[in-house]
PDB file of N, CA and C in Angstrom:
ATOM      1  N   MET A   1       0.845  -1.183   0.000  1.00  0.00           N
ATOM      2  CA  MET A   1       0.000   0.000   0.000  1.00  0.00           C
ATOM      3  C   MET A   1       0.891   1.247   0.000  1.00  0.00           C
ATOM      4  N   MET A   2       0.453   2.204  -0.770  1.00  0.00           N
ATOM      5  CA  MET A   2       1.169   3.472  -0.832  1.00  0.00           C
ATOM      6  C   MET A   2       0.441   4.474   0.061  1.00  0.00           C
ATOM      7  N   PRO A   3       1.160   5.495   0.526  1.00  0.00           N
ATOM      8  CA  PRO A   3       0.529   6.419   1.479  1.00  0.00           C
ATOM      9  C   PRO A   3      -0.632   7.220   0.903  1.00  0.00           C
ATOM     10  N   GLU A   4      -0.579   7.625  -0.357  1.00  0.00           N
ATOM     11  CA  GLU A   4      -1.613   8.492  -0.919  1.00  0.00           C
ATOM     12  C   GLU A   4      -2.718   7.740  -1.654  1.00  0.00           C
ATOM     13  N   MET A   5      -2.376   6.616  -2.260  1.00  0.00           N
ATOM     14  CA  MET A   5      -3.367   5.840  -3.014  1.00  0.00           C
ATOM     15  C   MET A   5      -2.897   4.402  -3.094  1.00  0.00           C
ATOM     16  N   ASP A   6      -3.819   3.497  -3.364  1.00  0.00           N
ATOM     17  CA  ASP A   6      -3.418   2.100  -3.495  1.00  0.00           C
ATOM     18  C   ASP A   6      -3.019   1.817  -4.944  1.00  0.00           C
ATOM     19  N   GLY A   7      -2.573   0.613  -5.200  1.00  0.00           N
ATOM     20  CA  GLY A   7      -2.076   0.249  -6.513  1.00  0.00           C
ATOM     21  C   GLY A   7      -3.116   0.326  -7.614  1.00  0.00           C
ATOM     22  N   LEU A   8      -4.358  -0.047  -7.298  1.00  0.00           N
ATOM     23  CA  LEU A   8      -5.415   0.045  -8.308  1.00  0.00           C
ATOM     24  C   LEU A   8      -5.709   1.498  -8.668  1.00  0.00           C
ATOM     25  N   GLN A   9      -5.708   2.371  -7.672  1.00  0.00           N
ATOM     26  CA  GLN A   9      -5.915   3.794  -7.950  1.00  0.00           C
ATOM     27  C   GLN A   9      -4.765   4.345  -8.790  1.00  0.00           C
ATOM     28  N   ALA A  10      -3.538   3.956  -8.458  1.00  0.00           N
ATOM     29  CA  ALA A  10      -2.380   4.404  -9.233  1.00  0.00           C
ATOM     30  C   ALA A  10      -2.480   3.910 -10.672  1.00  0.00           C
ATOM     31  N   THR A  11      -2.885   2.664 -10.842  1.00  0.00           N
ATOM     32  CA  THR A  11      -3.043   2.111 -12.189  1.00  0.00           C
ATOM     33  C   THR A  11      -4.109   2.876 -12.961  1.00  0.00           C
ATOM     34  N   ARG A  12      -5.207   3.189 -12.318  1.00  0.00           N
ATOM     35  CA  ARG A  12      -6.269   3.952 -12.988  1.00  0.00           C
ATOM     36  C   ARG A  12      -5.758   5.317 -13.450  1.00  0.00           C
ATOM     37  N   GLU A  13      -4.951   5.967 -12.612  1.00  0.00           N
ATOM     38  CA  GLU A  13      -4.391   7.262 -12.978  1.00  0.00           C
ATOM     39  C   GLU A  13      -3.451   7.131 -14.172  1.00  0.00           C
ATOM     40  N   ILE A  14      -2.632   6.090 -14.186  1.00  0.00           N
ATOM     41  CA  ILE A  14      -1.732   5.846 -15.319  1.00  0.00           C
ATOM     42  C   ILE A  14      -2.545   5.615 -16.582  1.00  0.00           C
ATOM     43  N   ARG A  15      -3.597   4.830 -16.489  1.00  0.00           N
ATOM     44  CA  ARG A  15      -4.424   4.496 -17.657  1.00  0.00           C
ATOM     45  C   ARG A  15      -5.176   5.704 -18.222  1.00  0.00           C
ATOM     46  N   LYS A  16      -5.371   6.750 -17.426  1.00  0.00           N
ATOM     47  CA  LYS A  16      -6.051   7.952 -17.904  1.00  0.00           C
ATOM     48  C   LYS A  16      -5.220   8.689 -18.955  1.00  0.00           C
ATOM     49  N   ASN A  17      -3.908   8.538 -18.901  1.00  0.00           N
ATOM     50  CA  ASN A  17      -3.021   9.184 -19.856  1.00  0.00           C
ATOM     51  C   ASN A  17      -3.054   8.381 -21.158  1.00  0.00           C
ATOM     52  N   PRO A  18      -3.498   8.975 -22.265  1.00  0.00           N
ATOM     53  CA  PRO A  18      -3.614   8.226 -23.523  1.00  0.00           C
ATOM     54  C   PRO A  18      -2.292   7.599 -23.978  1.00  0.00           C
ATOM     55  N   HIS A  19      -1.174   8.232 -23.668  1.00  0.00           N
ATOM     56  CA  HIS A  19       0.130   7.699 -24.076  1.00  0.00           C
ATOM     57  C   HIS A  19       0.525   6.464 -23.262  1.00  0.00           C
ATOM     58  N   LEU A  20      -0.064   6.313 -22.093  1.00  0.00           N
ATOM     59  CA  LEU A  20       0.281   5.196 -21.218  1.00  0.00           C
ATOM     60  C   LEU A  20      -0.842   4.172 -21.093  1.00  0.00           C
ATOM     61  N   ALA A  21      -1.921   4.379 -21.812  1.00  0.00           N
ATOM     62  CA  ALA A  21      -3.112   3.533 -21.662  1.00  0.00           C
ATOM     63  C   ALA A  21      -2.837   2.059 -21.925  1.00  0.00           C
ATOM     64  N   LYS A  22      -1.903   1.757 -22.810  1.00  0.00           N
ATOM     65  CA  LYS A  22      -1.611   0.362 -23.131  1.00  0.00           C
ATOM     66  C   LYS A  22      -0.327  -0.133 -22.466  1.00  0.00           C
ATOM     67  N   LEU A  23       0.217   0.645 -21.550  1.00  0.00           N
ATOM     68  CA  LEU A  23       1.422   0.244 -20.829  1.00  0.00           C
ATOM     69  C   LEU A  23       1.154  -1.015 -20.016  1.00  0.00           C
ATOM     70  N   PRO A  24       1.947  -2.072 -20.196  1.00  0.00           N
ATOM     71  CA  PRO A  24       1.741  -3.270 -19.371  1.00  0.00           C
ATOM     72  C   PRO A  24       2.089  -2.977 -17.908  1.00  0.00           C
ATOM     73  N   ILE A  25       1.203  -3.347 -17.023  1.00  0.00           N
ATOM     74  CA  ILE A  25       1.432  -3.144 -15.591  1.00  0.00           C
ATOM     75  C   ILE A  25       1.262  -4.486 -14.895  1.00  0.00           C
ATOM     76  N   ILE A  26       2.308  -4.890 -14.196  1.00  0.00           N
ATOM     77  CA  ILE A  26       2.259  -6.123 -13.402  1.00  0.00           C
ATOM     78  C   ILE A  26       2.190  -5.699 -11.935  1.00  0.00           C
ATOM     79  N   ALA A  27       1.086  -5.992 -11.297  1.00  0.00           N
ATOM     80  CA  ALA A  27       0.883  -5.612  -9.904  1.00  0.00           C
ATOM     81  C   ALA A  27       1.410  -6.708  -8.985  1.00  0.00           C
ATOM     82  N   LEU A  28       2.115  -6.304  -7.946  1.00  0.00           N
ATOM     83  CA  LEU A  28       2.568  -7.214  -6.898  1.00  0.00           C
ATOM     84  C   LEU A  28       1.647  -6.997  -5.709  1.00  0.00           C
ATOM     85  N   THR A  29       0.970  -8.034  -5.285  1.00  0.00           N
ATOM     86  CA  THR A  29      -0.035  -7.868  -4.246  1.00  0.00           C
ATOM     87  C   THR A  29       0.093  -8.933  -3.168  1.00  0.00           C
ATOM     88  N   ALA A  30      -0.313  -8.570  -1.987  1.00  0.00           N
ATOM     89  CA  ALA A  30      -0.338  -9.528  -0.880  1.00  0.00           C
ATOM     90  C   ALA A  30      -1.637 -10.327  -0.909  1.00  0.00           C
ATOM     91  N   ARG A  31      -2.602  -9.822  -1.641  1.00  0.00           N
ATOM     92  CA  ARG A  31      -3.903 -10.487  -1.735  1.00  0.00           C
ATOM     93  C   ARG A  31      -4.063 -11.115  -3.108  1.00  0.00           C
ATOM     94  N   ARG A  32      -4.813 -12.172  -3.154  1.00  0.00           N
ATOM     95  CA  ARG A  32      -5.132 -12.791  -4.446  1.00  0.00           C
ATOM     96  C   ARG A  32      -6.422 -12.159  -4.956  1.00  0.00           C
ATOM     97  N   TRP A  33      -6.298 -11.393  -6.023  1.00  0.00           N
ATOM     98  CA  TRP A  33      -7.474 -10.769  -6.618  1.00  0.00           C
ATOM     99  C   TRP A  33      -8.173 -11.765  -7.509  1.00  0.00           C
ATOM    100  N   PRO A  34      -9.464 -11.722  -7.541  1.00  0.00           N
ATOM    101  CA  PRO A  34     -10.174 -12.590  -8.484  1.00  0.00           C
ATOM    102  C   PRO A  34      -9.786 -12.229  -9.918  1.00  0.00           C
ATOM    103  N   THR A  35      -9.539 -13.213 -10.738  1.00  0.00           N
ATOM    104  CA  THR A  35      -9.149 -12.982 -12.128  1.00  0.00           C
ATOM    105  C   THR A  35     -10.183 -12.139 -12.855  1.00  0.00           C
ATOM    106  N   ILE A  36     -11.436 -12.340 -12.527  1.00  0.00           N
ATOM    107  CA  ILE A  36     -12.505 -11.572 -13.173  1.00  0.00           C
ATOM    108  C   ILE A  36     -12.306 -10.076 -12.938  1.00  0.00           C
ATOM    109  N   ALA A  37     -11.909  -9.689 -11.738  1.00  0.00           N
ATOM    110  CA  ALA A  37     -11.701  -8.277 -11.430  1.00  0.00           C
ATOM    111  C   ALA A  37     -10.550  -7.703 -12.258  1.00  0.00           C
ATOM    112  N   ILE A  38      -9.538  -8.519 -12.515  1.00  0.00           N
ATOM    113  CA  ILE A  38      -8.396  -8.058 -13.299  1.00  0.00           C
ATOM    114  C   ILE A  38      -8.796  -7.866 -14.758  1.00  0.00           C
ATOM    115  N   THR A  39      -9.508  -8.815 -15.316  1.00  0.00           N
ATOM    116  CA  THR A  39      -9.827  -8.766 -16.743  1.00  0.00           C
ATOM    117  C   THR A  39     -11.056  -7.922 -17.052  1.00  0.00           C
ATOM    118  N   ALA A  40     -11.881  -7.645 -16.066  1.00  0.00           N
ATOM    119  CA  ALA A  40     -13.128  -6.932 -16.321  1.00  0.00           C
ATOM    120  C   ALA A  40     -12.926  -5.437 -16.506  1.00  0.00           C
ATOM    121  N   SER A  41     -11.868  -4.899 -15.972  1.00  0.00           N
ATOM    122  CA  SER A  41     -11.660  -3.461 -16.017  1.00  0.00           C
ATOM    123  C   SER A  41     -10.490  -3.098 -16.922  1.00  0.00           C
ATOM    124  N   ARG A  42     -10.707  -2.178 -17.843  1.00  0.00           N
ATOM    125  CA  ARG A  42      -9.615  -1.710 -18.703  1.00  0.00           C
ATOM    126  C   ARG A  42      -8.644  -0.855 -17.915  1.00  0.00           C
ATOM    127  N   ARG A  43      -9.039  -0.411 -16.744  1.00  0.00           N
ATOM    128  CA  ARG A  43      -8.166   0.429 -15.926  1.00  0.00           C
ATOM    129  C   ARG A  43      -7.400  -0.377 -14.874  1.00  0.00           C
ATOM    130  N   ALA A  44      -7.568  -1.682 -14.902  1.00  0.00           N
ATOM    131  CA  ALA A  44      -6.885  -2.559 -13.953  1.00  0.00           C
ATOM    132  C   ALA A  44      -5.491  -2.895 -14.470  1.00  0.00           C
ATOM    133  N   PRO A  45      -4.639  -3.435 -13.599  1.00  0.00           N
ATOM    134  CA  PRO A  45      -3.323  -3.883 -14.070  1.00  0.00           C
ATOM    135  C   PRO A  45      -3.474  -4.926 -15.170  1.00  0.00           C
ATOM    136  N   THR A  46      -2.460  -5.040 -15.997  1.00  0.00           N
ATOM    137  CA  THR A  46      -2.468  -6.026 -17.066  1.00  0.00           C
ATOM    138  C   THR A  46      -2.553  -7.427 -16.476  1.00  0.00           C
ATOM    139  N   THR A  47      -1.800  -7.656 -15.423  1.00  0.00           N
ATOM    140  CA  THR A  47      -1.819  -8.924 -14.704  1.00  0.00           C
ATOM    141  C   THR A  47      -1.292  -8.670 -13.302  1.00  0.00           C
ATOM    142  N   TYR A  48      -1.256  -9.689 -12.497  1.00  0.00           N
ATOM    143  CA  TYR A  48      -0.735  -9.520 -11.149  1.00  0.00           C
ATOM    144  C   TYR A  48       0.010 -10.772 -10.726  1.00  0.00           C
ATOM    145  N   ILE A  49       0.817 -10.609  -9.704  1.00  0.00           N
ATOM    146  CA  ILE A  49       1.512 -11.731  -9.077  1.00  0.00           C
ATOM    147  C   ILE A  49       1.372 -11.530  -7.564  1.00  0.00           C
ATOM    148  N   ALA A  50       1.018 -12.586  -6.875  1.00  0.00           N
ATOM    149  CA  ALA A  50       0.786 -12.498  -5.430  1.00  0.00           C
ATOM    150  C   ALA A  50       2.058 -12.830  -4.660  1.00  0.00           C
ATOM    151  N   LYS A  51       2.162 -12.261  -3.478  1.00  0.00           N
ATOM    152  CA  LYS A  51       3.267 -12.592  -2.585  1.00  0.00           C
ATOM    153  C   LYS A  51       3.021 -13.968  -1.986  1.00  0.00           C
ATOM    154  N   PRO A  52       4.005 -14.719  -1.603  1.00  0.00           N
ATOM    155  CA  PRO A  52       5.429 -14.411  -1.696  1.00  0.00           C
ATOM    156  C   PRO A  52       5.877 -14.419  -3.150  1.00  0.00           C
ATOM    157  N   LEU A  53       6.765 -13.510  -3.463  1.00  0.00           N
ATOM    158  CA  LEU A  53       7.213 -13.304  -4.826  1.00  0.00           C
ATOM    159  C   LEU A  53       7.992 -14.500  -5.354  1.00  0.00           C
ATOM    160  N   ASP A  54       7.579 -14.974  -6.505  1.00  0.00           N
ATOM    161  CA  ASP A  54       8.308 -16.011  -7.234  1.00  0.00           C
ATOM    162  C   ASP A  54       9.042 -15.283  -8.359  1.00  0.00           C
ATOM    163  N   VAL A  55      10.345 -15.093  -8.196  1.00  0.00           N
ATOM    164  CA  VAL A  55      11.127 -14.300  -9.135  1.00  0.00           C
ATOM    165  C   VAL A  55      11.055 -14.872 -10.550  1.00  0.00           C
ATOM    166  N   ASP A  56      11.109 -16.184 -10.674  1.00  0.00           N
ATOM    167  CA  ASP A  56      11.023 -16.792 -12.002  1.00  0.00           C
ATOM    168  C   ASP A  56       9.693 -16.472 -12.675  1.00  0.00           C
ATOM    169  N   LYS A  57       8.617 -16.507 -11.910  1.00  0.00           N
ATOM    170  CA  LYS A  57       7.304 -16.182 -12.472  1.00  0.00           C
ATOM    171  C   LYS A  57       7.241 -14.711 -12.867  1.00  0.00           C
ATOM    172  N   LEU A  58       7.788 -13.832 -12.019  1.00  0.00           N
ATOM    173  CA  LEU A  58       7.806 -12.402 -12.329  1.00  0.00           C
ATOM    174  C   LEU A  58       8.590 -12.142 -13.612  1.00  0.00           C
ATOM    175  N   LEU A  59       9.749 -12.748 -13.747  1.00  0.00           N
ATOM    176  CA  LEU A  59      10.549 -12.568 -14.955  1.00  0.00           C
ATOM    177  C   LEU A  59       9.820 -13.116 -16.187  1.00  0.00           C
ATOM    178  N   SER A  60       9.136 -14.222 -16.011  1.00  0.00           N
ATOM    179  CA  SER A  60       8.364 -14.791 -17.111  1.00  0.00           C
ATOM    180  C   SER A  60       7.248 -13.841 -17.543  1.00  0.00           C
ATOM    181  N   LEU A  61       6.545 -13.274 -16.573  1.00  0.00           N
ATOM    182  CA  LEU A  61       5.490 -12.305 -16.895  1.00  0.00           C
ATOM    183  C   LEU A  61       6.073 -11.073 -17.589  1.00  0.00           C
ATOM    184  N   ALA A  62       7.217 -10.607 -17.120  1.00  0.00           N
ATOM    185  CA  ALA A  62       7.851  -9.441 -17.732  1.00  0.00           C
ATOM    186  C   ALA A  62       8.218  -9.737 -19.186  1.00  0.00           C
ATOM    187  N   ARG A  63       8.723 -10.932 -19.449  1.00  0.00           N
ATOM    188  CA  ARG A  63       9.072 -11.311 -20.818  1.00  0.00           C
ATOM    189  C   ARG A  63       7.830 -11.336 -21.713  1.00  0.00           C
ATOM    190  N   VAL A  64       6.721 -11.822 -21.170  1.00  0.00           N
ATOM    191  CA  VAL A  64       5.483 -11.886 -21.942  1.00  0.00           C
ATOM    192  C   VAL A  64       4.995 -10.489 -22.317  1.00  0.00           C
ATOM    193  N   TRP A  65       5.079  -9.555 -21.374  1.00  0.00           N
ATOM    194  CA  TRP A  65       4.488  -8.244 -21.584  1.00  0.00           C
ATOM    195  C   TRP A  65       5.446  -7.201 -22.122  1.00  0.00           C
ATOM    196  N   MET A  66       6.743  -7.495 -22.176  1.00  0.00           N
ATOM    197  CA  MET A  66       7.703  -6.510 -22.702  1.00  0.00           C
ATOM    198  C   MET A  66       7.486  -6.330 -24.196  1.00  0.00           C
ATOM    199  N   PRO A  67       7.522  -5.070 -24.646  1.00  0.00           N
ATOM    200  CA  PRO A  67       7.402  -4.869 -26.090  1.00  0.00           C
ATOM    201  C   PRO A  67       8.615  -5.452 -26.808  1.00  0.00           C
ATOM    202  N   LYS A  68       8.379  -5.950 -27.984  1.00  0.00           N
ATOM    203  CA  LYS A  68       9.473  -6.565 -28.743  1.00  0.00           C
ATOM    204  C   LYS A  68      10.269  -5.517 -29.459  1.00  0.00           C
TER     205      LYS A  68
END
């Protein structure tokens, strides 16, 4: 959690900028969000990974979402 806003609010603010609207965002969360909540909103993170962090999974997700 951030002091001024949470990660979903930050993501929504990023998505408001047309230049950043398609920026891949991988959220790191302590909670497991329902997949439906992630995919249902265009202002949600592209995907998420729950704690405890699996570095191999994070790197794999980054490879998937990195622009070529």
